[in-house]
Amino acid sequence: MSRTELAELSELQRLVAEGGAHLSQRIACHIDCGGQRFPVPVVTLGNPAPGVPAVGFFGGVHGLERIGAEVVLAFLRSLVMRLAWDEMLHRQLESLRMVFMPLVNPGGLWRGTRANPNGVDLMRNAPVDARDPVPFLIGGQRLSSALPWYRGPAHAPMEAESQALCRVVEDELLARPFSIAVDCHSGFGLRDRIWFPFAHTARPIEHLPEVHALATVFDQALLHHRYVIEPQSRQYLTHGDLWDHLYLRAAERPGRLLLPLTLEMGSWLWVKKNPRQLFSRHGMFNPLAEHRQQRVLRRHVQALDVVARAALSHARWLPAGEARERHREEALARWYRRVPD
């Protein structure tokens, strides 16, 4: 492959071609990087009617974490392959909107950097400030784009990639009564984690009962899974989290419920199994051995499929009345009244 091609972008175009009329593609924006100009594609399938639920899958926000983009592409690939024969999938798509944005930061993927070509960490770029002190640098900083976790200049517009992601969420997810978003990352700890807002405060979100009910569905559908489901604030607080920003935007719209999840794959486990990966910048955040990568893709594709089914069937598990209050109390006991793992 020539240096004028981005492997993940080429794979996405192959999938769009194979999906044919079942898939639609548009370009959210274009990004200039080192003499190259990359599109930021959005692929959709399923029912576009505003009354149906939606689920969105996002990857590549941090260019160094290629496995996030690859997990989203692998799930899309499994759907495209099933379209030829899976009647149940076609019935599912009659009542569900699915949105894929696997390459949010193509410039970062091209350069092999966490930040975008302007040196901005997109997950520190939203106009949300933490209510309590954040860890130095990792919580977001405005000192210099030469340092990691740079938020961008104060009072400046969000980066083009951040704005594109927000537009897609507002147009495709917040336009519907119920939606779930999954943003795929890697690089934290020895366990795979599923984080939900908030990141800017330890205060529980308004829809904590709904998140707890979704976690219960996850526990029931993925028997013996090893995901740690928790609010991100249990680990650390940050400025500028895009999903905090979008959740708060959804809360401003009556009758709209967005449950944003971040899949944080535990890349330290890959390093533990192969310490030589420490000497590779990509090895810190991605499984380098082929058999390990295939195992990672299989595990997380199954989880994404459960999320899609949960979005479609949300009316069956969303709590109401006394059940909602019970879920709130169980969630508070599980996530806010004990020392984090």
C-alpha atoms as a PDB file:
ATOM      1  CA  MET A   1       0.000   0.000   0.000  1.00  0.00           C
ATOM      2  CA  SER A   2       1.353   3.416  -0.926  1.00  0.00           C
ATOM      3  CA  ARG A   3       1.931   6.206   1.522  1.00  0.00           C
ATOM      4  CA  THR A   4      -0.965   8.126  -0.063  1.00  0.00           C
ATOM      5  CA  GLU A   5      -3.465   5.651   1.452  1.00  0.00           C
ATOM      6  CA  LEU A   6      -4.746   5.175   4.968  1.00  0.00           C
ATOM      7  CA  ALA A   7      -5.409   1.466   5.553  1.00  0.00           C
ATOM      8  CA  GLU A   8      -8.502   1.995   7.707  1.00  0.00           C
ATOM      9  CA  LEU A   9     -10.000   4.408   5.176  1.00  0.00           C
ATOM     10  CA  SER A  10      -9.410   1.935   2.349  1.00  0.00           C
ATOM     11  CA  GLU A  11     -11.075  -0.813   4.383  1.00  0.00           C
ATOM     12  CA  LEU A  12     -14.083   1.410   5.046  1.00  0.00           C
ATOM     13  CA  GLN A  13     -14.477   2.158   1.337  1.00  0.00           C
ATOM     14  CA  ARG A  14     -14.400  -1.568   0.545  1.00  0.00           C
ATOM     15  CA  LEU A  15     -17.143  -2.167   3.100  1.00  0.00           C
ATOM     16  CA  VAL A  16     -19.278   0.635   1.687  1.00  0.00           C
ATOM     17  CA  ALA A  17     -18.891  -0.853  -1.784  1.00  0.00           C
ATOM     18  CA  GLU A  18     -19.800  -4.348  -0.578  1.00  0.00           C
ATOM     19  CA  GLY A  19     -22.776  -3.055   1.384  1.00  0.00           C
ATOM     20  CA  GLY A  20     -24.207  -1.459  -1.748  1.00  0.00           C
ATOM     21  CA  ALA A  21     -27.622   0.119  -1.432  1.00  0.00           C
ATOM     22  CA  HIS A  22     -27.965  -0.966   2.200  1.00  0.00           C
ATOM     23  CA  LEU A  23     -25.362   1.612   3.292  1.00  0.00           C
ATOM     24  CA  SER A  24     -25.177   5.374   2.869  1.00  0.00           C
ATOM     25  CA  GLN A  25     -21.998   7.408   3.204  1.00  0.00           C
ATOM     26  CA  ARG A  26     -21.347  11.098   3.610  1.00  0.00           C
ATOM     27  CA  ILE A  27     -18.277  13.129   4.483  1.00  0.00           C
ATOM     28  CA  ALA A  28     -18.516  15.053   7.749  1.00  0.00           C
ATOM     29  CA  CYS A  29     -15.436  17.183   6.987  1.00  0.00           C
ATOM     30  CA  HIS A  30     -11.984  17.069   5.409  1.00  0.00           C
ATOM     31  CA  ILE A  31      -8.683  17.274   7.303  1.00  0.00           C
ATOM     32  CA  ASP A  32      -5.372  18.494   5.882  1.00  0.00           C
ATOM     33  CA  CYS A  33      -2.286  16.719   7.167  1.00  0.00           C
ATOM     34  CA  GLY A  34       1.266  16.831   5.814  1.00  0.00           C
ATOM     35  CA  GLY A  35       0.247  17.500   2.239  1.00  0.00           C
ATOM     36  CA  GLN A  36      -2.564  14.937   2.394  1.00  0.00           C
ATOM     37  CA  ARG A  37      -6.278  15.663   2.578  1.00  0.00           C
ATOM     38  CA  PHE A  38      -8.348  13.078   4.392  1.00  0.00           C
ATOM     39  CA  PRO A  39     -12.138  12.752   4.589  1.00  0.00           C
ATOM     40  CA  VAL A  40     -13.935  12.005   7.842  1.00  0.00           C
ATOM     41  CA  PRO A  41     -16.633   9.583   6.642  1.00  0.00           C
ATOM     42  CA  VAL A  42     -19.951   8.728   8.247  1.00  0.00           C
ATOM     43  CA  VAL A  43     -21.707   5.509   7.247  1.00  0.00           C
ATOM     44  CA  THR A  44     -25.342   4.833   8.093  1.00  0.00           C
ATOM     45  CA  LEU A  45     -27.753   1.960   7.635  1.00  0.00           C
ATOM     46  CA  GLY A  46     -31.179   1.044   8.876  1.00  0.00           C
ATOM     47  CA  ASN A  47     -34.336   3.082   9.203  1.00  0.00           C
ATOM     48  CA  PRO A  48     -33.799   6.864   8.882  1.00  0.00           C
ATOM     49  CA  ALA A  49     -37.191   7.709  10.409  1.00  0.00           C
ATOM     50  CA  PRO A  50     -36.864  10.119  13.368  1.00  0.00           C
ATOM     51  CA  GLY A  51     -39.056   7.992  15.618  1.00  0.00           C
ATOM     52  CA  VAL A  52     -36.847   4.891  15.726  1.00  0.00           C
ATOM     53  CA  PRO A  53     -33.966   4.443  18.217  1.00  0.00           C
ATOM     54  CA  ALA A  54     -30.383   4.906  17.076  1.00  0.00           C
ATOM     55  CA  VAL A  55     -26.972   3.559  17.985  1.00  0.00           C
ATOM     56  CA  GLY A  56     -23.672   5.145  17.021  1.00  0.00           C
ATOM     57  CA  PHE A  57     -20.201   3.611  16.929  1.00  0.00           C
ATOM     58  CA  PHE A  58     -17.141   5.857  16.934  1.00  0.00           C
ATOM     59  CA  GLY A  59     -13.424   5.130  16.697  1.00  0.00           C
ATOM     60  CA  GLY A  60     -10.086   6.675  15.877  1.00  0.00           C
ATOM     61  CA  VAL A  61     -10.607   9.740  18.073  1.00  0.00           C
ATOM     62  CA  HIS A  62      -7.047   9.188  19.266  1.00  0.00           C
ATOM     63  CA  GLY A  63      -4.935   8.386  16.236  1.00  0.00           C
ATOM     64  CA  LEU A  64      -2.424   6.327  18.172  1.00  0.00           C
ATOM     65  CA  GLU A  65      -5.164   3.942  19.337  1.00  0.00           C
ATOM     66  CA  ARG A  66      -5.764   2.247  15.979  1.00  0.00           C
ATOM     67  CA  ILE A  67      -7.472  -0.715  17.617  1.00  0.00           C
ATOM     68  CA  GLY A  68     -10.479   1.509  18.392  1.00  0.00           C
ATOM     69  CA  ALA A  69     -11.046   2.213  14.692  1.00  0.00           C
ATOM     70  CA  GLU A  70     -10.408  -1.454  13.872  1.00  0.00           C
ATOM     71  CA  VAL A  71     -13.031  -2.687  16.346  1.00  0.00           C
ATOM     72  CA  VAL A  72     -15.671  -0.383  14.815  1.00  0.00           C
ATOM     73  CA  LEU A  73     -14.680  -1.475  11.305  1.00  0.00           C
ATOM     74  CA  ALA A  74     -14.787  -5.138  12.325  1.00  0.00           C
ATOM     75  CA  PHE A  75     -18.334  -4.755  13.645  1.00  0.00           C
ATOM     76  CA  LEU A  76     -19.413  -2.965  10.463  1.00  0.00           C
ATOM     77  CA  ARG A  77     -17.752  -5.731   8.434  1.00  0.00           C
ATOM     78  CA  SER A  78     -19.730  -8.392  10.300  1.00  0.00           C
ATOM     79  CA  LEU A  79     -22.982  -6.546   9.523  1.00  0.00           C
ATOM     80  CA  VAL A  80     -22.133  -6.133   5.838  1.00  0.00           C
ATOM     81  CA  MET A  81     -21.352  -9.839   5.520  1.00  0.00           C
ATOM     82  CA  ARG A  82     -24.627 -10.761   7.241  1.00  0.00           C
ATOM     83  CA  LEU A  83     -26.747  -8.540   5.005  1.00  0.00           C
ATOM     84  CA  ALA A  84     -26.586 -11.197   2.277  1.00  0.00           C
ATOM     85  CA  TRP A  85     -28.345 -13.873   4.342  1.00  0.00           C
ATOM     86  CA  ASP A  86     -29.460 -12.716   7.809  1.00  0.00           C
ATOM     87  CA  GLU A  87     -33.226 -12.137   7.791  1.00  0.00           C
ATOM     88  CA  MET A  88     -33.177 -11.269  11.492  1.00  0.00           C
ATOM     89  CA  LEU A  89     -30.671  -8.478  10.838  1.00  0.00           C
ATOM     90  CA  HIS A  90     -32.899  -7.031   8.115  1.00  0.00           C
ATOM     91  CA  ARG A  91     -35.854  -7.037  10.495  1.00  0.00           C
ATOM     92  CA  GLN A  92     -33.708  -5.364  13.117  1.00  0.00           C
ATOM     93  CA  LEU A  93     -32.726  -2.625  10.674  1.00  0.00           C
ATOM     94  CA  GLU A  94     -36.384  -1.888   9.938  1.00  0.00           C
ATOM     95  CA  SER A  95     -36.682  -0.461  13.455  1.00  0.00           C
ATOM     96  CA  LEU A  96     -33.168   0.822  14.172  1.00  0.00           C
ATOM     97  CA  ARG A  97     -30.808   3.487  12.842  1.00  0.00           C
ATOM     98  CA  MET A  98     -27.103   2.562  12.930  1.00  0.00           C
ATOM     99  CA  VAL A  99     -24.341   5.160  12.555  1.00  0.00           C
ATOM    100  CA  PHE A 100     -20.633   4.464  12.086  1.00  0.00           C
ATOM    101  CA  MET A 101     -17.849   7.033  12.362  1.00  0.00           C
ATOM    102  CA  PRO A 102     -14.725   4.873  12.702  1.00  0.00           C
ATOM    103  CA  LEU A 103     -12.119   7.456  11.599  1.00  0.00           C
ATOM    104  CA  VAL A 104     -12.828  10.598  13.586  1.00  0.00           C
ATOM    105  CA  ASN A 105      -9.161  11.648  13.570  1.00  0.00           C
ATOM    106  CA  PRO A 106      -7.635  10.473  10.268  1.00  0.00           C
ATOM    107  CA  GLY A 107      -4.759  12.935  10.603  1.00  0.00           C
ATOM    108  CA  GLY A 108      -3.791  11.391  13.940  1.00  0.00           C
ATOM    109  CA  LEU A 109      -4.079   7.897  12.450  1.00  0.00           C
ATOM    110  CA  TRP A 110      -1.842   8.973   9.563  1.00  0.00           C
ATOM    111  CA  ARG A 111       0.762  10.542  11.842  1.00  0.00           C
ATOM    112  CA  GLY A 112       0.517   7.924  14.579  1.00  0.00           C
ATOM    113  CA  THR A 113      -0.315  10.510  17.249  1.00  0.00           C
ATOM    114  CA  ARG A 114      -2.948  10.764  19.951  1.00  0.00           C
ATOM    115  CA  ALA A 115      -3.752  14.347  18.952  1.00  0.00           C
ATOM    116  CA  ASN A 116      -4.999  15.682  15.640  1.00  0.00           C
ATOM    117  CA  PRO A 117      -2.618  17.440  13.183  1.00  0.00           C
ATOM    118  CA  ASN A 118      -2.992  20.674  15.186  1.00  0.00           C
ATOM    119  CA  GLY A 119      -1.719  18.935  18.318  1.00  0.00           C
ATOM    120  CA  VAL A 120      -5.142  18.999  20.013  1.00  0.00           C
ATOM    121  CA  ASP A 121      -6.471  16.031  21.988  1.00  0.00           C
ATOM    122  CA  LEU A 122     -10.043  15.797  20.727  1.00  0.00           C
ATOM    123  CA  MET A 123     -11.251  14.252  23.985  1.00  0.00           C
ATOM    124  CA  ARG A 124     -10.108  17.345  25.862  1.00  0.00           C
ATOM    125  CA  ASN A 125     -11.492  19.793  23.292  1.00  0.00           C
ATOM    126  CA  ALA A 126     -15.135  20.344  24.282  1.00  0.00           C
ATOM    127  CA  PRO A 127     -16.260  23.506  26.138  1.00  0.00           C
ATOM    128  CA  VAL A 128     -16.669  21.711  29.480  1.00  0.00           C
ATOM    129  CA  ASP A 129     -14.494  22.560  32.487  1.00  0.00           C
ATOM    130  CA  ALA A 130     -14.033  20.163  35.393  1.00  0.00           C
ATOM    131  CA  ARG A 131     -15.663  21.230  38.649  1.00  0.00           C
ATOM    132  CA  ASP A 132     -12.845  19.820  40.777  1.00  0.00           C
ATOM    133  CA  PRO A 133      -9.062  19.627  40.346  1.00  0.00           C
ATOM    134  CA  VAL A 134      -7.887  17.342  37.551  1.00  0.00           C
ATOM    135  CA  PRO A 135      -4.606  15.395  37.375  1.00  0.00           C
ATOM    136  CA  PHE A 136      -1.716  17.394  35.927  1.00  0.00           C
ATOM    137  CA  LEU A 137      -1.569  17.218  32.116  1.00  0.00           C
ATOM    138  CA  ILE A 138      -3.759  14.111  31.723  1.00  0.00           C
ATOM    139  CA  GLY A 139      -6.828  16.055  32.817  1.00  0.00           C
ATOM    140  CA  GLY A 140      -6.329  18.502  29.943  1.00  0.00           C
ATOM    141  CA  GLN A 141      -3.948  21.433  29.626  1.00  0.00           C
ATOM    142  CA  ARG A 142      -3.602  24.675  27.650  1.00  0.00           C
ATOM    143  CA  LEU A 143       0.150  25.127  28.183  1.00  0.00           C
ATOM    144  CA  SER A 144       1.350  23.896  24.799  1.00  0.00           C
ATOM    145  CA  SER A 145       0.416  21.663  21.888  1.00  0.00           C
ATOM    146  CA  ALA A 146       3.896  20.165  22.261  1.00  0.00           C
ATOM    147  CA  LEU A 147       2.666  18.472  25.448  1.00  0.00           C
ATOM    148  CA  PRO A 148       0.079  15.665  25.494  1.00  0.00           C
ATOM    149  CA  TRP A 149      -3.589  16.205  26.358  1.00  0.00           C
ATOM    150  CA  TYR A 150      -3.630  19.738  24.906  1.00  0.00           C
ATOM    151  CA  ARG A 151      -7.143  21.208  24.953  1.00  0.00           C
ATOM    152  CA  GLY A 152      -6.607  23.885  22.323  1.00  0.00           C
ATOM    153  CA  PRO A 153      -6.600  27.658  22.846  1.00  0.00           C
ATOM    154  CA  ALA A 154      -9.062  29.061  25.362  1.00  0.00           C
ATOM    155  CA  HIS A 155     -12.325  30.347  23.855  1.00  0.00           C
ATOM    156  CA  ALA A 156     -11.394  29.016  20.395  1.00  0.00           C
ATOM    157  CA  PRO A 157     -13.921  26.981  18.390  1.00  0.00           C
ATOM    158  CA  MET A 158     -13.652  23.232  18.719  1.00  0.00           C
ATOM    159  CA  GLU A 159     -11.416  21.460  16.226  1.00  0.00           C
ATOM    160  CA  ALA A 160     -12.977  20.463  12.899  1.00  0.00           C
ATOM    161  CA  GLU A 161     -12.997  16.785  13.877  1.00  0.00           C
ATOM    162  CA  SER A 162     -14.700  17.519  17.206  1.00  0.00           C
ATOM    163  CA  GLN A 163     -17.294  19.677  15.505  1.00  0.00           C
ATOM    164  CA  ALA A 164     -17.924  16.958  12.926  1.00  0.00           C
ATOM    165  CA  LEU A 165     -18.489  14.326  15.614  1.00  0.00           C
ATOM    166  CA  CYS A 166     -20.861  16.636  17.476  1.00  0.00           C
ATOM    167  CA  ARG A 167     -22.843  17.381  14.299  1.00  0.00           C
ATOM    168  CA  VAL A 168     -23.216  13.676  13.553  1.00  0.00           C
ATOM    169  CA  VAL A 169     -24.409  12.967  17.099  1.00  0.00           C
ATOM    170  CA  GLU A 170     -26.859  15.862  17.032  1.00  0.00           C
ATOM    171  CA  ASP A 171     -28.210  15.010  13.561  1.00  0.00           C
ATOM    172  CA  GLU A 172     -28.369  11.230  13.904  1.00  0.00           C
ATOM    173  CA  LEU A 173     -28.679  10.461  17.629  1.00  0.00           C
ATOM    174  CA  LEU A 174     -30.133  13.487  19.403  1.00  0.00           C
ATOM    175  CA  ALA A 175     -32.763  13.796  16.684  1.00  0.00           C
ATOM    176  CA  ARG A 176     -34.325  10.599  18.028  1.00  0.00           C
ATOM    177  CA  PRO A 177     -36.040   9.906  21.357  1.00  0.00           C
ATOM    178  CA  PHE A 178     -33.511   7.259  22.412  1.00  0.00           C
ATOM    179  CA  SER A 179     -29.920   6.571  21.411  1.00  0.00           C
ATOM    180  CA  ILE A 180     -26.720   4.939  22.612  1.00  0.00           C
ATOM    181  CA  ALA A 181     -23.198   5.897  21.538  1.00  0.00           C
ATOM    182  CA  VAL A 182     -20.073   3.755  21.916  1.00  0.00           C
ATOM    183  CA  ASP A 183     -16.668   5.388  21.471  1.00  0.00           C
ATOM    184  CA  CYS A 184     -13.823   2.842  21.202  1.00  0.00           C
ATOM    185  CA  HIS A 185     -10.422   3.617  22.773  1.00  0.00           C
ATOM    186  CA  SER A 186      -7.478   1.788  24.309  1.00  0.00           C
ATOM    187  CA  GLY A 187      -4.751   2.489  26.796  1.00  0.00           C
ATOM    188  CA  PHE A 188      -6.000   2.312  30.384  1.00  0.00           C
ATOM    189  CA  GLY A 189      -5.111  -0.460  32.794  1.00  0.00           C
ATOM    190  CA  LEU A 190      -5.190  -4.249  32.719  1.00  0.00           C
ATOM    191  CA  ARG A 191      -8.998  -4.524  32.407  1.00  0.00           C
ATOM    192  CA  ASP A 192     -11.391  -3.624  29.639  1.00  0.00           C
ATOM    193  CA  ARG A 193     -13.654  -0.875  30.920  1.00  0.00           C
ATOM    194  CA  ILE A 194     -16.936   0.666  29.803  1.00  0.00           C
ATOM    195  CA  TRP A 195     -17.128   4.232  31.035  1.00  0.00           C
ATOM    196  CA  PHE A 196     -20.149   6.483  31.132  1.00  0.00           C
ATOM    197  CA  PRO A 197     -20.353  10.213  32.016  1.00  0.00           C
ATOM    198  CA  PHE A 198     -19.367  12.208  33.829  1.00  0.00           C
ATOM    199  CA  ALA A 199     -15.683  12.888  33.333  1.00  0.00           C
ATOM    200  CA  HIS A 200     -15.757  16.515  34.504  1.00  0.00           C
ATOM    201  CA  THR A 201     -17.407  15.892  37.873  1.00  0.00           C
ATOM    202  CA  ALA A 202     -17.969  13.057  40.328  1.00  0.00           C
ATOM    203  CA  ARG A 203     -21.654  13.984  40.488  1.00  0.00           C
ATOM    204  CA  PRO A 204     -23.932  11.185  39.164  1.00  0.00           C
ATOM    205  CA  ILE A 205     -25.691  11.845  35.889  1.00  0.00           C
ATOM    206  CA  GLU A 206     -29.445  12.358  35.805  1.00  0.00           C
ATOM    207  CA  HIS A 207     -29.966   9.105  33.917  1.00  0.00           C
ATOM    208  CA  LEU A 208     -28.020   6.927  36.322  1.00  0.00           C
ATOM    209  CA  PRO A 209     -30.966   4.466  36.653  1.00  0.00           C
ATOM    210  CA  GLU A 210     -31.027   3.991  32.892  1.00  0.00           C
ATOM    211  CA  VAL A 211     -27.281   3.359  32.765  1.00  0.00           C
ATOM    212  CA  HIS A 212     -27.571   0.822  35.571  1.00  0.00           C
ATOM    213  CA  ALA A 213     -30.423  -0.931  33.766  1.00  0.00           C
ATOM    214  CA  LEU A 214     -28.270  -1.065  30.626  1.00  0.00           C
ATOM    215  CA  ALA A 215     -25.380  -2.498  32.647  1.00  0.00           C
ATOM    216  CA  THR A 216     -27.775  -5.178  33.921  1.00  0.00           C
ATOM    217  CA  VAL A 217     -28.733  -6.036  30.347  1.00  0.00           C
ATOM    218  CA  PHE A 218     -25.044  -6.263  29.500  1.00  0.00           C
ATOM    219  CA  ASP A 219     -24.382  -8.607  32.425  1.00  0.00           C
ATOM    220  CA  GLN A 220     -27.276 -10.840  31.389  1.00  0.00           C
ATOM    221  CA  ALA A 221     -26.468 -10.958  27.664  1.00  0.00           C
ATOM    222  CA  LEU A 222     -22.661 -11.348  27.903  1.00  0.00           C
ATOM    223  CA  LEU A 223     -22.276 -14.083  30.471  1.00  0.00           C
ATOM    224  CA  HIS A 224     -18.933 -14.074  32.280  1.00  0.00           C
ATOM    225  CA  HIS A 225     -17.752 -10.904  30.543  1.00  0.00           C
ATOM    226  CA  ARG A 226     -14.764  -9.118  32.091  1.00  0.00           C
ATOM    227  CA  TYR A 227     -15.730  -5.506  31.457  1.00  0.00           C
ATOM    228  CA  VAL A 228     -15.581  -3.086  34.368  1.00  0.00           C
ATOM    229  CA  ILE A 229     -18.597  -0.807  33.922  1.00  0.00           C
ATOM    230  CA  GLU A 230     -18.256   2.474  35.811  1.00  0.00           C
ATOM    231  CA  PRO A 231     -18.400   6.274  35.569  1.00  0.00           C
ATOM    232  CA  GLN A 232     -15.127   7.677  34.267  1.00  0.00           C
ATOM    233  CA  SER A 233     -14.960   9.943  37.308  1.00  0.00           C
ATOM    234  CA  ARG A 234     -14.086   6.924  39.441  1.00  0.00           C
ATOM    235  CA  GLN A 235     -10.684   6.877  37.760  1.00  0.00           C
ATOM    236  CA  TYR A 236      -9.893  10.540  37.092  1.00  0.00           C
ATOM    237  CA  LEU A 237     -11.536  13.835  36.130  1.00  0.00           C
ATOM    238  CA  THR A 238     -10.848  15.717  32.913  1.00  0.00           C
ATOM    239  CA  HIS A 239     -11.666  18.943  31.185  1.00  0.00           C
ATOM    240  CA  GLY A 240     -13.229  19.037  27.747  1.00  0.00           C
ATOM    241  CA  ASP A 241     -14.785  15.582  27.441  1.00  0.00           C
ATOM    242  CA  LEU A 242     -16.810  15.406  24.226  1.00  0.00           C
ATOM    243  CA  TRP A 243     -19.321  12.914  25.601  1.00  0.00           C
ATOM    244  CA  ASP A 244     -19.989  14.985  28.710  1.00  0.00           C
ATOM    245  CA  HIS A 245     -20.643  17.886  26.359  1.00  0.00           C
ATOM    246  CA  LEU A 246     -23.011  15.881  24.149  1.00  0.00           C
ATOM    247  CA  TYR A 247     -24.837  14.299  27.076  1.00  0.00           C
ATOM    248  CA  LEU A 248     -25.456  17.770  28.485  1.00  0.00           C
ATOM    249  CA  ARG A 249     -26.663  18.945  25.076  1.00  0.00           C
ATOM    250  CA  ALA A 250     -29.109  16.034  24.960  1.00  0.00           C
ATOM    251  CA  ALA A 251     -30.360  16.940  28.440  1.00  0.00           C
ATOM    252  CA  GLU A 252     -31.395  20.349  27.063  1.00  0.00           C
ATOM    253  CA  ARG A 253     -33.803  18.679  24.646  1.00  0.00           C
ATOM    254  CA  PRO A 254     -37.041  17.411  26.200  1.00  0.00           C
ATOM    255  CA  GLY A 255     -37.880  13.863  25.231  1.00  0.00           C
ATOM    256  CA  ARG A 256     -34.325  12.993  24.177  1.00  0.00           C
ATOM    257  CA  LEU A 257     -32.183  10.404  25.957  1.00  0.00           C
ATOM    258  CA  LEU A 258     -28.563   9.748  24.934  1.00  0.00           C
ATOM    259  CA  LEU A 259     -26.509   7.168  26.825  1.00  0.00           C
ATOM    260  CA  PRO A 260     -22.846   7.662  25.820  1.00  0.00           C
ATOM    261  CA  LEU A 261     -20.424   4.822  26.552  1.00  0.00           C
ATOM    262  CA  THR A 262     -16.659   4.712  26.132  1.00  0.00           C
ATOM    263  CA  LEU A 263     -15.055   1.329  25.553  1.00  0.00           C
ATOM    264  CA  GLU A 264     -11.571   1.666  27.059  1.00  0.00           C
ATOM    265  CA  MET A 265      -9.615  -1.438  26.097  1.00  0.00           C
ATOM    266  CA  GLY A 266      -6.976  -2.354  28.668  1.00  0.00           C
ATOM    267  CA  SER A 267      -3.802  -2.115  26.603  1.00  0.00           C
ATOM    268  CA  TRP A 268      -1.522  -2.694  29.597  1.00  0.00           C
ATOM    269  CA  LEU A 269      -2.551  -6.356  29.407  1.00  0.00           C
ATOM    270  CA  TRP A 270      -1.066  -6.617  25.915  1.00  0.00           C
ATOM    271  CA  VAL A 271       2.171  -5.101  27.183  1.00  0.00           C
ATOM    272  CA  LYS A 272       2.170  -7.484  30.151  1.00  0.00           C
ATOM    273  CA  LYS A 273       1.905 -10.453  27.793  1.00  0.00           C
ATOM    274  CA  ASN A 274       4.593  -9.064  25.488  1.00  0.00           C
ATOM    275  CA  PRO A 275       6.865  -6.574  27.331  1.00  0.00           C
ATOM    276  CA  ARG A 276       8.771  -5.849  24.112  1.00  0.00           C
ATOM    277  CA  GLN A 277       5.768  -3.784  23.025  1.00  0.00           C
ATOM    278  CA  LEU A 278       7.017  -1.124  25.466  1.00  0.00           C
ATOM    279  CA  PHE A 279       9.655  -0.267  22.869  1.00  0.00           C
ATOM    280  CA  SER A 280       6.999   0.504  20.252  1.00  0.00           C
ATOM    281  CA  ARG A 281       4.815   3.571  20.508  1.00  0.00           C
ATOM    282  CA  HIS A 282       2.004   1.682  18.767  1.00  0.00           C
ATOM    283  CA  GLY A 283       2.624  -1.312  21.028  1.00  0.00           C
ATOM    284  CA  MET A 284       1.605   0.722  24.063  1.00  0.00           C
ATOM    285  CA  PHE A 285      -1.939   1.046  22.748  1.00  0.00           C
ATOM    286  CA  ASN A 286      -2.540  -1.797  20.283  1.00  0.00           C
ATOM    287  CA  PRO A 287      -2.217  -5.596  20.236  1.00  0.00           C
ATOM    288  CA  LEU A 288       0.673  -6.253  17.848  1.00  0.00           C
ATOM    289  CA  ALA A 289       0.485 -10.058  17.655  1.00  0.00           C
ATOM    290  CA  GLU A 290      -2.030 -11.112  14.981  1.00  0.00           C
ATOM    291  CA  HIS A 291      -3.672 -13.829  17.082  1.00  0.00           C
ATOM    292  CA  ARG A 292      -4.119 -11.382  19.960  1.00  0.00           C
ATOM    293  CA  GLN A 293      -5.645  -8.751  17.695  1.00  0.00           C
ATOM    294  CA  GLN A 294      -8.118 -11.288  16.293  1.00  0.00           C
ATOM    295  CA  ARG A 295      -9.103 -12.279  19.823  1.00  0.00           C
ATOM    296  CA  VAL A 296      -9.644  -8.629  20.769  1.00  0.00           C
ATOM    297  CA  LEU A 297     -11.797  -7.995  17.699  1.00  0.00           C
ATOM    298  CA  ARG A 298     -13.968 -11.058  18.321  1.00  0.00           C
ATOM    299  CA  ARG A 299     -14.586 -10.147  21.950  1.00  0.00           C
ATOM    300  CA  HIS A 300     -15.533  -6.537  21.386  1.00  0.00           C
ATOM    301  CA  VAL A 301     -17.578  -7.086  18.220  1.00  0.00           C
ATOM    302  CA  GLN A 302     -19.847  -9.312  20.291  1.00  0.00           C
ATOM    303  CA  ALA A 303     -20.209  -6.543  22.875  1.00  0.00           C
ATOM    304  CA  LEU A 304     -21.088  -3.953  20.215  1.00  0.00           C
ATOM    305  CA  ASP A 305     -23.761  -6.270  18.849  1.00  0.00           C
ATOM    306  CA  VAL A 306     -25.327  -6.470  22.326  1.00  0.00           C
ATOM    307  CA  VAL A 307     -25.352  -2.662  22.506  1.00  0.00           C
ATOM    308  CA  ALA A 308     -27.148  -2.458  19.155  1.00  0.00           C
ATOM    309  CA  ARG A 309     -29.770  -4.957  20.301  1.00  0.00           C
ATOM    310  CA  ALA A 310     -30.213  -3.061  23.554  1.00  0.00           C
ATOM    311  CA  ALA A 311     -30.845   0.168  21.651  1.00  0.00           C
ATOM    312  CA  LEU A 312     -33.442  -1.528  19.477  1.00  0.00           C
ATOM    313  CA  SER A 313     -35.198  -3.093  22.497  1.00  0.00           C
ATOM    314  CA  HIS A 314     -34.821  -0.190  24.927  1.00  0.00           C
ATOM    315  CA  ALA A 315     -38.551  -0.060  25.706  1.00  0.00           C
ATOM    316  CA  ARG A 316     -38.263  -3.513  27.290  1.00  0.00           C
ATOM    317  CA  TRP A 317     -35.549  -2.609  29.806  1.00  0.00           C
ATOM    318  CA  LEU A 318     -35.733   1.129  30.483  1.00  0.00           C
ATOM    319  CA  PRO A 319     -36.922   1.403  34.110  1.00  0.00           C
ATOM    320  CA  ALA A 320     -39.904   3.445  35.233  1.00  0.00           C
ATOM    321  CA  GLY A 321     -41.594   4.235  38.533  1.00  0.00           C
ATOM    322  CA  GLU A 322     -40.435   2.125  41.465  1.00  0.00           C
ATOM    323  CA  ALA A 323     -38.085   0.117  39.250  1.00  0.00           C
ATOM    324  CA  ARG A 324     -36.282   3.305  38.256  1.00  0.00           C
ATOM    325  CA  GLU A 325     -35.800   4.315  41.882  1.00  0.00           C
ATOM    326  CA  ARG A 326     -34.522   0.836  42.704  1.00  0.00           C
ATOM    327  CA  HIS A 327     -31.984   1.042  39.883  1.00  0.00           C
ATOM    328  CA  ARG A 328     -30.867   4.452  41.158  1.00  0.00           C
ATOM    329  CA  GLU A 329     -30.228   3.104  44.660  1.00  0.00           C
ATOM    330  CA  GLU A 330     -28.383   0.061  43.329  1.00  0.00           C
ATOM    331  CA  ALA A 331     -26.287   2.274  41.046  1.00  0.00           C
ATOM    332  CA  LEU A 332     -25.355   4.625  43.869  1.00  0.00           C
ATOM    333  CA  ALA A 333     -24.300   1.673  46.000  1.00  0.00           C
ATOM    334  CA  ARG A 334     -22.332   0.119  43.132  1.00  0.00           C
ATOM    335  CA  TRP A 335     -20.509   3.173  41.829  1.00  0.00           C
ATOM    336  CA  TYR A 336     -20.591   6.034  44.312  1.00  0.00           C
ATOM    337  CA  ARG A 337     -20.408   4.613  47.830  1.00  0.00           C
ATOM    338  CA  ARG A 338     -17.232   2.591  47.787  1.00  0.00           C
ATOM    339  CA  VAL A 339     -13.564   2.879  46.971  1.00  0.00           C
ATOM    340  CA  PRO A 340     -12.826   2.404  43.231  1.00  0.00           C
ATOM    341  CA  ASP A 341     -11.236  -0.881  42.140  1.00  0.00           C
END
